[in-house]
Amino acid sequence: MQIITNGRTTGVIVNGTVHVLKPSSSRYHLDTYGQYACQDGCCDRGLRSDVAAVVSEAAELGATKVVLRTGQREYCHREIAGLPVEDVTNHVGEVGEGMFVYAAW
């Protein structure tokens, strides 16, 4: 596991996947590290430079994909800094190295 930060954005690399976390309205969390960044306009107004910087650094460290809360319409980015993006809803449960994604109600 490796951790990258840029401002209020954190990237946690687990098994080659960078999980992008940031204060948001997303109900999905990675253990005690925080909420997943959200691409939608409700809380992150689409992607910002801090998210791209974290993903770029993660790619340099060997990450091959990104997990966050994808947005809808013009807020949905299928690729960030050259890495494919997947929605966190498809990763609930253990993600490796004893880490878990869960949905807070």
PDB file of N, CA and C in Angstrom:
ATOM      1  N   MET A   1       0.844  -1.177   0.000  1.00  0.00           N
ATOM      2  CA  MET A   1       0.000   0.000   0.000  1.00  0.00           C
ATOM      3  C   MET A   1       0.891   1.243   0.000  1.00  0.00           C
ATOM      4  N   GLN A   2       0.494   2.199  -0.817  1.00  0.00           N
ATOM      5  CA  GLN A   2       1.181   3.487  -0.859  1.00  0.00           C
ATOM      6  C   GLN A   2       0.124   4.586  -0.786  1.00  0.00           C
ATOM      7  N   ILE A   3       0.493   5.708  -0.168  1.00  0.00           N
ATOM      8  CA  ILE A   3      -0.441   6.826  -0.019  1.00  0.00           C
ATOM      9  C   ILE A   3       0.157   8.075  -0.647  1.00  0.00           C
ATOM     10  N   ILE A   4      -0.667   8.769  -1.428  1.00  0.00           N
ATOM     11  CA  ILE A   4      -0.281  10.010  -2.102  1.00  0.00           C
ATOM     12  C   ILE A   4      -1.280  11.079  -1.671  1.00  0.00           C
ATOM     13  N   THR A   5      -0.808  12.291  -1.410  1.00  0.00           N
ATOM     14  CA  THR A   5      -1.734  13.376  -1.087  1.00  0.00           C
ATOM     15  C   THR A   5      -1.435  14.597  -1.941  1.00  0.00           C
ATOM     16  N   ASN A   6      -2.493  15.342  -2.205  1.00  0.00           N
ATOM     17  CA  ASN A   6      -2.383  16.619  -2.899  1.00  0.00           C
ATOM     18  C   ASN A   6      -3.553  17.455  -2.415  1.00  0.00           C
ATOM     19  N   GLY A   7      -3.286  18.426  -1.571  1.00  0.00           N
ATOM     20  CA  GLY A   7      -4.367  19.211  -0.986  1.00  0.00           C
ATOM     21  C   GLY A   7      -5.251  18.320  -0.139  1.00  0.00           C
ATOM     22  N   ARG A   8      -6.541  18.341  -0.401  1.00  0.00           N
ATOM     23  CA  ARG A   8      -7.494  17.523   0.354  1.00  0.00           C
ATOM     24  C   ARG A   8      -7.771  16.183  -0.314  1.00  0.00           C
ATOM     25  N   THR A   9      -7.010  15.861  -1.355  1.00  0.00           N
ATOM     26  CA  THR A   9      -7.196  14.617  -2.095  1.00  0.00           C
ATOM     27  C   THR A   9      -6.126  13.611  -1.701  1.00  0.00           C
ATOM     28  N   THR A  10      -6.561  12.368  -1.494  1.00  0.00           N
ATOM     29  CA  THR A  10      -5.653  11.289  -1.129  1.00  0.00           C
ATOM     30  C   THR A  10      -5.824  10.150  -2.111  1.00  0.00           C
ATOM     31  N   GLY A  11      -4.727   9.585  -2.534  1.00  0.00           N
ATOM     32  CA  GLY A  11      -4.750   8.379  -3.351  1.00  0.00           C
ATOM     33  C   GLY A  11      -4.135   7.251  -2.556  1.00  0.00           C
ATOM     34  N   VAL A  12      -4.855   6.160  -2.425  1.00  0.00           N
ATOM     35  CA  VAL A  12      -4.344   4.982  -1.725  1.00  0.00           C
ATOM     36  C   VAL A  12      -4.186   3.888  -2.773  1.00  0.00           C
ATOM     37  N   ILE A  13      -2.946   3.466  -2.996  1.00  0.00           N
ATOM     38  CA  ILE A  13      -2.676   2.433  -3.989  1.00  0.00           C
ATOM     39  C   ILE A  13      -2.689   1.077  -3.300  1.00  0.00           C
ATOM     40  N   VAL A  14      -3.608   0.228  -3.750  1.00  0.00           N
ATOM     41  CA  VAL A  14      -3.735  -1.135  -3.228  1.00  0.00           C
ATOM     42  C   VAL A  14      -3.780  -2.079  -4.420  1.00  0.00           C
ATOM     43  N   ASN A  15      -2.841  -2.997  -4.486  1.00  0.00           N
ATOM     44  CA  ASN A  15      -2.793  -3.990  -5.564  1.00  0.00           C
ATOM     45  C   ASN A  15      -2.903  -3.364  -6.955  1.00  0.00           C
ATOM     46  N   GLY A  16      -2.190  -2.285  -7.200  1.00  0.00           N
ATOM     47  CA  GLY A  16      -2.156  -1.665  -8.513  1.00  0.00           C
ATOM     48  C   GLY A  16      -3.322  -0.766  -8.851  1.00  0.00           C
ATOM     49  N   THR A  17      -4.219  -0.553  -7.904  1.00  0.00           N
ATOM     50  CA  THR A  17      -5.373   0.318  -8.112  1.00  0.00           C
ATOM     51  C   THR A  17      -5.251   1.526  -7.199  1.00  0.00           C
ATOM     52  N   VAL A  18      -5.432   2.720  -7.758  1.00  0.00           N
ATOM     53  CA  VAL A  18      -5.429   3.916  -6.920  1.00  0.00           C
ATOM     54  C   VAL A  18      -6.877   4.264  -6.571  1.00  0.00           C
ATOM     55  N   HIS A  19      -7.164   4.266  -5.286  1.00  0.00           N
ATOM     56  CA  HIS A  19      -8.468   4.640  -4.758  1.00  0.00           C
ATOM     57  C   HIS A  19      -8.369   6.123  -4.410  1.00  0.00           C
ATOM     58  N   VAL A  20      -9.199   6.944  -5.059  1.00  0.00           N
ATOM     59  CA  VAL A  20      -9.112   8.390  -4.891  1.00  0.00           C
ATOM     60  C   VAL A  20     -10.152   8.850  -3.871  1.00  0.00           C
ATOM     61  N   LEU A  21      -9.650   9.451  -2.795  1.00  0.00           N
ATOM     62  CA  LEU A  21     -10.479   9.861  -1.670  1.00  0.00           C
ATOM     63  C   LEU A  21     -10.431  11.368  -1.496  1.00  0.00           C
ATOM     64  N   LYS A  22     -11.573  11.921  -1.074  1.00  0.00           N
ATOM     65  CA  LYS A  22     -11.668  13.360  -0.911  1.00  0.00           C
ATOM     66  C   LYS A  22     -12.983  13.660  -0.200  1.00  0.00           C
ATOM     67  N   PRO A  23     -13.044  14.664   0.668  1.00  0.00           N
ATOM     68  CA  PRO A  23     -14.333  14.984   1.277  1.00  0.00           C
ATOM     69  C   PRO A  23     -15.374  15.219   0.182  1.00  0.00           C
ATOM     70  N   SER A  24     -16.479  14.492   0.259  1.00  0.00           N
ATOM     71  CA  SER A  24     -17.517  14.579  -0.758  1.00  0.00           C
ATOM     72  C   SER A  24     -18.841  14.132  -0.158  1.00  0.00           C
ATOM     73  N   SER A  25     -19.855  14.060  -0.980  1.00  0.00           N
ATOM     74  CA  SER A  25     -21.137  13.550  -0.506  1.00  0.00           C
ATOM     75  C   SER A  25     -21.277  12.056  -0.790  1.00  0.00           C
ATOM     76  N   SER A  26     -20.230  11.427  -1.281  1.00  0.00           N
ATOM     77  CA  SER A  26     -20.258   9.994  -1.549  1.00  0.00           C
ATOM     78  C   SER A  26     -20.403   9.231  -0.243  1.00  0.00           C
ATOM     79  N   ARG A  27     -21.220   8.205  -0.260  1.00  0.00           N
ATOM     80  CA  ARG A  27     -21.385   7.392   0.952  1.00  0.00           C
ATOM     81  C   ARG A  27     -20.384   6.253   1.011  1.00  0.00           C
ATOM     82  N   TYR A  28     -19.536   6.128  -0.001  1.00  0.00           N
ATOM     83  CA  TYR A  28     -18.552   5.049  -0.054  1.00  0.00           C
ATOM     84  C   TYR A  28     -17.250   5.481   0.610  1.00  0.00           C
ATOM     85  N   HIS A  29     -16.683   4.567   1.408  1.00  0.00           N
ATOM     86  CA  HIS A  29     -15.475   4.850   2.186  1.00  0.00           C
ATOM     87  C   HIS A  29     -14.466   3.722   1.992  1.00  0.00           C
ATOM     88  N   LEU A  30     -13.201   4.062   2.123  1.00  0.00           N
ATOM     89  CA  LEU A  30     -12.127   3.073   2.147  1.00  0.00           C
ATOM     90  C   LEU A  30     -11.610   3.011   3.574  1.00  0.00           C
ATOM     91  N   ASP A  31     -12.009   1.961   4.274  1.00  0.00           N
ATOM     92  CA  ASP A  31     -11.640   1.807   5.691  1.00  0.00           C
ATOM     93  C   ASP A  31     -11.745   3.149   6.411  1.00  0.00           C
ATOM     94  N   THR A  32     -10.702   3.515   7.139  1.00  0.00           N
ATOM     95  CA  THR A  32     -10.723   4.776   7.895  1.00  0.00           C
ATOM     96  C   THR A  32     -10.078   5.920   7.118  1.00  0.00           C
ATOM     97  N   TYR A  33      -9.726   5.674   5.854  1.00  0.00           N
ATOM     98  CA  TYR A  33      -9.038   6.701   5.067  1.00  0.00           C
ATOM     99  C   TYR A  33      -9.969   7.793   4.564  1.00  0.00           C
ATOM    100  N   GLY A  34     -11.258   7.532   4.491  1.00  0.00           N
ATOM    101  CA  GLY A  34     -12.192   8.577   4.099  1.00  0.00           C
ATOM    102  C   GLY A  34     -13.099   8.208   2.950  1.00  0.00           C
ATOM    103  N   GLN A  35     -13.823   9.227   2.481  1.00  0.00           N
ATOM    104  CA  GLN A  35     -14.809   9.077   1.422  1.00  0.00           C
ATOM    105  C   GLN A  35     -14.143   9.110   0.054  1.00  0.00           C
ATOM    106  N   TYR A  36     -14.797   8.430  -0.877  1.00  0.00           N
ATOM    107  CA  TYR A  36     -14.316   8.453  -2.254  1.00  0.00           C
ATOM    108  C   TYR A  36     -14.626   9.788  -2.905  1.00  0.00           C
ATOM    109  N   ALA A  37     -13.700  10.254  -3.712  1.00  0.00           N
ATOM    110  CA  ALA A  37     -13.930  11.455  -4.509  1.00  0.00           C
ATOM    111  C   ALA A  37     -15.079  11.177  -5.464  1.00  0.00           C
ATOM    112  N   CYS A  38     -15.845  12.202  -5.728  1.00  0.00           N
ATOM    113  CA  CYS A  38     -16.994  12.092  -6.607  1.00  0.00           C
ATOM    114  C   CYS A  38     -16.772  12.978  -7.824  1.00  0.00           C
ATOM    115  N   GLN A  39     -16.990  12.436  -9.012  1.00  0.00           N
ATOM    116  CA  GLN A  39     -16.808  13.211 -10.233  1.00  0.00           C
ATOM    117  C   GLN A  39     -17.971  14.147 -10.503  1.00  0.00           C
ATOM    118  N   ASP A  40     -19.104  13.892  -9.916  1.00  0.00           N
ATOM    119  CA  ASP A  40     -20.316  14.636 -10.267  1.00  0.00           C
ATOM    120  C   ASP A  40     -20.265  16.076  -9.760  1.00  0.00           C
ATOM    121  N   GLY A  41     -21.121  16.906 -10.271  1.00  0.00           N
ATOM    122  CA  GLY A  41     -21.164  18.315  -9.913  1.00  0.00           C
ATOM    123  C   GLY A  41     -21.701  18.574  -8.520  1.00  0.00           C
ATOM    124  N   CYS A  42     -22.257  17.550  -7.877  1.00  0.00           N
ATOM    125  CA  CYS A  42     -22.864  17.774  -6.564  1.00  0.00           C
ATOM    126  C   CYS A  42     -21.841  18.154  -5.505  1.00  0.00           C
ATOM    127  N   CYS A  43     -20.639  17.602  -5.594  1.00  0.00           N
ATOM    128  CA  CYS A  43     -19.687  17.865  -4.515  1.00  0.00           C
ATOM    129  C   CYS A  43     -18.281  18.184  -4.998  1.00  0.00           C
ATOM    130  N   ASP A  44     -17.912  17.753  -6.186  1.00  0.00           N
ATOM    131  CA  ASP A  44     -16.555  18.004  -6.660  1.00  0.00           C
ATOM    132  C   ASP A  44     -16.543  18.827  -7.943  1.00  0.00           C
ATOM    133  N   ARG A  45     -17.725  19.192  -8.428  1.00  0.00           N
ATOM    134  CA  ARG A  45     -17.846  19.997  -9.644  1.00  0.00           C
ATOM    135  C   ARG A  45     -17.013  19.425 -10.791  1.00  0.00           C
ATOM    136  N   GLY A  46     -17.080  18.106 -10.927  1.00  0.00           N
ATOM    137  CA  GLY A  46     -16.248  17.440 -11.921  1.00  0.00           C
ATOM    138  C   GLY A  46     -14.843  17.283 -11.366  1.00  0.00           C
ATOM    139  N   LEU A  47     -13.967  16.765 -12.161  1.00  0.00           N
ATOM    140  CA  LEU A  47     -12.607  16.542 -11.673  1.00  0.00           C
ATOM    141  C   LEU A  47     -11.814  17.832 -11.620  1.00  0.00           C
ATOM    142  N   ARG A  48     -10.948  17.919 -10.651  1.00  0.00           N
ATOM    143  CA  ARG A  48     -10.075  19.082 -10.493  1.00  0.00           C
ATOM    144  C   ARG A  48      -8.620  18.657 -10.616  1.00  0.00           C
ATOM    145  N   SER A  49      -7.754  19.620 -10.636  1.00  0.00           N
ATOM    146  CA  SER A  49      -6.325  19.337 -10.860  1.00  0.00           C
ATOM    147  C   SER A  49      -5.711  18.479  -9.761  1.00  0.00           C
ATOM    148  N   ASP A  50      -6.206  18.577  -8.523  1.00  0.00           N
ATOM    149  CA  ASP A  50      -5.631  17.769  -7.442  1.00  0.00           C
ATOM    150  C   ASP A  50      -5.871  16.280  -7.668  1.00  0.00           C
ATOM    151  N   VAL A  51      -7.032  15.917  -8.210  1.00  0.00           N
ATOM    152  CA  VAL A  51      -7.328  14.519  -8.509  1.00  0.00           C
ATOM    153  C   VAL A  51      -6.396  14.032  -9.623  1.00  0.00           C
ATOM    154  N   ALA A  52      -6.269  14.807 -10.664  1.00  0.00           N
ATOM    155  CA  ALA A  52      -5.389  14.434 -11.779  1.00  0.00           C
ATOM    156  C   ALA A  52      -3.941  14.285 -11.309  1.00  0.00           C
ATOM    157  N   ALA A  53      -3.491  15.169 -10.418  1.00  0.00           N
ATOM    158  CA  ALA A  53      -2.118  15.092  -9.910  1.00  0.00           C
ATOM    159  C   ALA A  53      -1.895  13.816  -9.111  1.00  0.00           C
ATOM    160  N   VAL A  54      -2.855  13.444  -8.282  1.00  0.00           N
ATOM    161  CA  VAL A  54      -2.737  12.214  -7.494  1.00  0.00           C
ATOM    162  C   VAL A  54      -2.706  10.995  -8.411  1.00  0.00           C
ATOM    163  N   VAL A  55      -3.578  10.973  -9.408  1.00  0.00           N
ATOM    164  CA  VAL A  55      -3.622   9.839 -10.334  1.00  0.00           C
ATOM    165  C   VAL A  55      -2.332   9.767 -11.156  1.00  0.00           C
ATOM    166  N   SER A  56      -1.818  10.889 -11.601  1.00  0.00           N
ATOM    167  CA  SER A  56      -0.554  10.903 -12.357  1.00  0.00           C
ATOM    168  C   SER A  56       0.583  10.323 -11.530  1.00  0.00           C
ATOM    169  N   GLU A  57       0.667  10.736 -10.282  1.00  0.00           N
ATOM    170  CA  GLU A  57       1.727  10.216  -9.409  1.00  0.00           C
ATOM    171  C   GLU A  57       1.536   8.726  -9.159  1.00  0.00           C
ATOM    172  N   ALA A  58       0.283   8.312  -8.980  1.00  0.00           N
ATOM    173  CA  ALA A  58       0.002   6.887  -8.771  1.00  0.00           C
ATOM    174  C   ALA A  58       0.421   6.069  -9.997  1.00  0.00           C
ATOM    175  N   ALA A  59       0.170   6.602 -11.183  1.00  0.00           N
ATOM    176  CA  ALA A  59       0.578   5.911 -12.412  1.00  0.00           C
ATOM    177  C   ALA A  59       2.098   5.747 -12.455  1.00  0.00           C
ATOM    178  N   GLU A  60       2.816   6.780 -12.041  1.00  0.00           N
ATOM    179  CA  GLU A  60       4.284   6.703 -11.999  1.00  0.00           C
ATOM    180  C   GLU A  60       4.751   5.634 -11.014  1.00  0.00           C
ATOM    181  N   LEU A  61       3.929   5.378  -9.986  1.00  0.00           N
ATOM    182  CA  LEU A  61       4.273   4.368  -8.981  1.00  0.00           C
ATOM    183  C   LEU A  61       3.754   2.984  -9.352  1.00  0.00           C
ATOM    184  N   GLY A  62       3.141   2.860 -10.532  1.00  0.00           N
ATOM    185  CA  GLY A  62       2.726   1.551 -11.012  1.00  0.00           C
ATOM    186  C   GLY A  62       1.238   1.261 -11.001  1.00  0.00           C
ATOM    187  N   ALA A  63       0.406   2.212 -10.596  1.00  0.00           N
ATOM    188  CA  ALA A  63      -1.045   1.979 -10.617  1.00  0.00           C
ATOM    189  C   ALA A  63      -1.508   1.804 -12.052  1.00  0.00           C
ATOM    190  N   THR A  64      -2.498   0.927 -12.249  1.00  0.00           N
ATOM    191  CA  THR A  64      -2.991   0.651 -13.593  1.00  0.00           C
ATOM    192  C   THR A  64      -4.463   1.017 -13.775  1.00  0.00           C
ATOM    193  N   LYS A  65      -5.154   1.374 -12.693  1.00  0.00           N
ATOM    194  CA  LYS A  65      -6.538   1.833 -12.816  1.00  0.00           C
ATOM    195  C   LYS A  65      -6.907   2.706 -11.631  1.00  0.00           C
ATOM    196  N   VAL A  66      -8.022   3.425 -11.787  1.00  0.00           N
ATOM    197  CA  VAL A  66      -8.516   4.383 -10.799  1.00  0.00           C
ATOM    198  C   VAL A  66      -9.895   3.932 -10.321  1.00  0.00           C
ATOM    199  N   VAL A  67     -10.130   4.033  -9.018  1.00  0.00           N
ATOM    200  CA  VAL A  67     -11.460   3.781  -8.469  1.00  0.00           C
ATOM    201  C   VAL A  67     -11.902   5.026  -7.723  1.00  0.00           C
ATOM    202  N   LEU A  68     -13.074   5.533  -8.104  1.00  0.00           N
ATOM    203  CA  LEU A  68     -13.723   6.649  -7.406  1.00  0.00           C
ATOM    204  C   LEU A  68     -15.207   6.598  -7.715  1.00  0.00           C
ATOM    205  N   ARG A  69     -15.953   7.574  -7.283  1.00  0.00           N
ATOM    206  CA  ARG A  69     -17.397   7.614  -7.557  1.00  0.00           C
ATOM    207  C   ARG A  69     -17.579   8.374  -8.862  1.00  0.00           C
ATOM    208  N   THR A  70     -17.949   7.652  -9.911  1.00  0.00           N
ATOM    209  CA  THR A  70     -18.077   8.301 -11.208  1.00  0.00           C
ATOM    210  C   THR A  70     -19.323   9.169 -11.255  1.00  0.00           C
ATOM    211  N   GLY A  71     -19.261  10.142 -12.125  1.00  0.00           N
ATOM    212  CA  GLY A  71     -20.375  11.068 -12.287  1.00  0.00           C
ATOM    213  C   GLY A  71     -21.261  10.681 -13.447  1.00  0.00           C
ATOM    214  N   GLN A  72     -22.189  11.557 -13.752  1.00  0.00           N
ATOM    215  CA  GLN A  72     -23.109  11.341 -14.865  1.00  0.00           C
ATOM    216  C   GLN A  72     -22.905  12.428 -15.900  1.00  0.00           C
ATOM    217  N   ARG A  73     -23.373  12.156 -17.089  1.00  0.00           N
ATOM    218  CA  ARG A  73     -23.317  13.103 -18.201  1.00  0.00           C
ATOM    219  C   ARG A  73     -21.916  13.677 -18.386  1.00  0.00           C
ATOM    220  N   GLU A  74     -21.803  14.990 -18.420  1.00  0.00           N
ATOM    221  CA  GLU A  74     -20.513  15.626 -18.694  1.00  0.00           C
ATOM    222  C   GLU A  74     -19.515  15.491 -17.538  1.00  0.00           C
ATOM    223  N   TYR A  75     -19.959  14.980 -16.406  1.00  0.00           N
ATOM    224  CA  TYR A  75     -19.054  14.806 -15.267  1.00  0.00           C
ATOM    225  C   TYR A  75     -18.417  13.422 -15.226  1.00  0.00           C
ATOM    226  N   CYS A  76     -18.763  12.562 -16.152  1.00  0.00           N
ATOM    227  CA  CYS A  76     -18.230  11.201 -16.158  1.00  0.00           C
ATOM    228  C   CYS A  76     -16.955  11.146 -17.000  1.00  0.00           C
ATOM    229  N   HIS A  77     -15.851  10.881 -16.367  1.00  0.00           N
ATOM    230  CA  HIS A  77     -14.562  10.748 -17.046  1.00  0.00           C
ATOM    231  C   HIS A  77     -14.163   9.278 -16.988  1.00  0.00           C
ATOM    232  N   ARG A  78     -14.003   8.641 -18.119  1.00  0.00           N
ATOM    233  CA  ARG A  78     -13.648   7.215 -18.171  1.00  0.00           C
ATOM    234  C   ARG A  78     -12.144   6.994 -18.086  1.00  0.00           C
ATOM    235  N   GLU A  79     -11.379   8.085 -18.142  1.00  0.00           N
ATOM    236  CA  GLU A  79      -9.931   7.994 -18.058  1.00  0.00           C
ATOM    237  C   GLU A  79      -9.400   9.243 -17.365  1.00  0.00           C
ATOM    238  N   ILE A  80      -8.434   9.052 -16.479  1.00  0.00           N
ATOM    239  CA  ILE A  80      -7.776  10.169 -15.807  1.00  0.00           C
ATOM    240  C   ILE A  80      -6.278   9.919 -15.901  1.00  0.00           C
ATOM    241  N   ALA A  81      -5.546  10.883 -16.415  1.00  0.00           N
ATOM    242  CA  ALA A  81      -4.087  10.787 -16.541  1.00  0.00           C
ATOM    243  C   ALA A  81      -3.669   9.481 -17.224  1.00  0.00           C
ATOM    244  N   GLY A  82      -4.455   9.047 -18.201  1.00  0.00           N
ATOM    245  CA  GLY A  82      -4.123   7.850 -18.957  1.00  0.00           C
ATOM    246  C   GLY A  82      -4.558   6.535 -18.334  1.00  0.00           C
ATOM    247  N   LEU A  83      -5.144   6.571 -17.138  1.00  0.00           N
ATOM    248  CA  LEU A  83      -5.591   5.337 -16.483  1.00  0.00           C
ATOM    249  C   LEU A  83      -7.105   5.190 -16.590  1.00  0.00           C
ATOM    250  N   PRO A  84      -7.591   3.964 -16.804  1.00  0.00           N
ATOM    251  CA  PRO A  84      -9.035   3.753 -16.860  1.00  0.00           C
ATOM    252  C   PRO A  84      -9.670   3.952 -15.487  1.00  0.00           C
ATOM    253  N   VAL A  85     -10.910   4.440 -15.499  1.00  0.00           N
ATOM    254  CA  VAL A  85     -11.647   4.740 -14.272  1.00  0.00           C
ATOM    255  C   VAL A  85     -12.778   3.735 -14.080  1.00  0.00           C
ATOM    256  N   GLU A  86     -12.933   3.255 -12.846  1.00  0.00           N
ATOM    257  CA  GLU A  86     -14.038   2.374 -12.487  1.00  0.00           C
ATOM    258  C   GLU A  86     -14.790   2.975 -11.312  1.00  0.00           C
ATOM    259  N   ASP A  87     -16.093   2.707 -11.274  1.00  0.00           N
ATOM    260  CA  ASP A  87     -16.921   3.222 -10.189  1.00  0.00           C
ATOM    261  C   ASP A  87     -16.741   2.374  -8.934  1.00  0.00           C
ATOM    262  N   VAL A  88     -16.687   3.027  -7.793  1.00  0.00           N
ATOM    263  CA  VAL A  88     -16.470   2.351  -6.523  1.00  0.00           C
ATOM    264  C   VAL A  88     -17.583   1.359  -6.190  1.00  0.00           C
ATOM    265  N   THR A  89     -18.782   1.572  -6.723  1.00  0.00           N
ATOM    266  CA  THR A  89     -19.882   0.659  -6.405  1.00  0.00           C
ATOM    267  C   THR A  89     -19.582  -0.767  -6.857  1.00  0.00           C
ATOM    268  N   ASN A  90     -18.681  -0.934  -7.808  1.00  0.00           N
ATOM    269  CA  ASN A  90     -18.293  -2.264  -8.272  1.00  0.00           C
ATOM    270  C   ASN A  90     -17.148  -2.862  -7.461  1.00  0.00           C
ATOM    271  N   HIS A  91     -16.745  -2.192  -6.379  1.00  0.00           N
ATOM    272  CA  HIS A  91     -15.594  -2.643  -5.588  1.00  0.00           C
ATOM    273  C   HIS A  91     -15.898  -2.756  -4.099  1.00  0.00           C
ATOM    274  N   VAL A  92     -17.158  -2.794  -3.725  1.00  0.00           N
ATOM    275  CA  VAL A  92     -17.519  -2.904  -2.309  1.00  0.00           C
ATOM    276  C   VAL A  92     -17.043  -4.251  -1.781  1.00  0.00           C
ATOM    277  N   GLY A  93     -16.426  -4.213  -0.604  1.00  0.00           N
ATOM    278  CA  GLY A  93     -15.878  -5.426   0.004  1.00  0.00           C
ATOM    279  C   GLY A  93     -14.375  -5.310   0.113  1.00  0.00           C
ATOM    280  N   GLU A  94     -13.702  -6.442   0.261  1.00  0.00           N
ATOM    281  CA  GLU A  94     -12.253  -6.431   0.421  1.00  0.00           C
ATOM    282  C   GLU A  94     -11.582  -6.119  -0.913  1.00  0.00           C
ATOM    283  N   VAL A  95     -10.628  -5.191  -0.874  1.00  0.00           N
ATOM    284  CA  VAL A  95      -9.909  -4.806  -2.089  1.00  0.00           C
ATOM    285  C   VAL A  95      -8.451  -5.264  -2.058  1.00  0.00           C
ATOM    286  N   GLY A  96      -8.051  -5.884  -0.961  1.00  0.00           N
ATOM    287  CA  GLY A  96      -6.689  -6.389  -0.839  1.00  0.00           C
ATOM    288  C   GLY A  96      -5.967  -5.755   0.331  1.00  0.00           C
ATOM    289  N   GLU A  97      -4.901  -6.421   0.747  1.00  0.00           N
ATOM    290  CA  GLU A  97      -4.067  -5.949   1.849  1.00  0.00           C
ATOM    291  C   GLU A  97      -4.883  -5.661   3.110  1.00  0.00           C
ATOM    292  N   GLY A  98      -5.979  -6.412   3.298  1.00  0.00           N
ATOM    293  CA  GLY A  98      -6.819  -6.250   4.481  1.00  0.00           C
ATOM    294  C   GLY A  98      -7.661  -4.985   4.479  1.00  0.00           C
ATOM    295  N   MET A  99      -7.799  -4.342   3.332  1.00  0.00           N
ATOM    296  CA  MET A  99      -8.558  -3.097   3.235  1.00  0.00           C
ATOM    297  C   MET A  99      -9.930  -3.378   2.639  1.00  0.00           C
ATOM    298  N   PHE A 100     -10.929  -2.589   3.104  1.00  0.00           N
ATOM    299  CA  PHE A 100     -12.302  -2.784   2.674  1.00  0.00           C
ATOM    300  C   PHE A 100     -12.935  -1.489   2.196  1.00  0.00           C
ATOM    301  N   VAL A 101     -13.766  -1.616   1.169  1.00  0.00           N
ATOM    302  CA  VAL A 101     -14.634  -0.536   0.719  1.00  0.00           C
ATOM    303  C   VAL A 101     -16.013  -0.829   1.289  1.00  0.00           C
ATOM    304  N   TYR A 102     -16.624   0.164   1.899  1.00  0.00           N
ATOM    305  CA  TYR A 102     -17.977  -0.028   2.435  1.00  0.00           C
ATOM    306  C   TYR A 102     -18.823   1.214   2.152  1.00  0.00           C
ATOM    307  N   ALA A 103     -20.129   0.987   2.168  1.00  0.00           N
ATOM    308  CA  ALA A 103     -21.092   2.070   1.969  1.00  0.00           C
ATOM    309  C   ALA A 103     -21.700   2.419   3.317  1.00  0.00           C
ATOM    310  N   ALA A 104     -21.533   3.680   3.718  1.00  0.00           N
ATOM    311  CA  ALA A 104     -22.123   4.161   4.970  1.00  0.00           C
ATOM    312  C   ALA A 104     -23.558   4.589   4.690  1.00  0.00           C
ATOM    313  N   TRP A 105     -24.456   4.247   5.527  1.00  0.00           N
ATOM    314  CA  TRP A 105     -25.869   4.607   5.333  1.00  0.00           C
ATOM    315  C   TRP A 105     -26.234   5.758   6.165  1.00  0.00           C
TER     316      TRP A 105
END
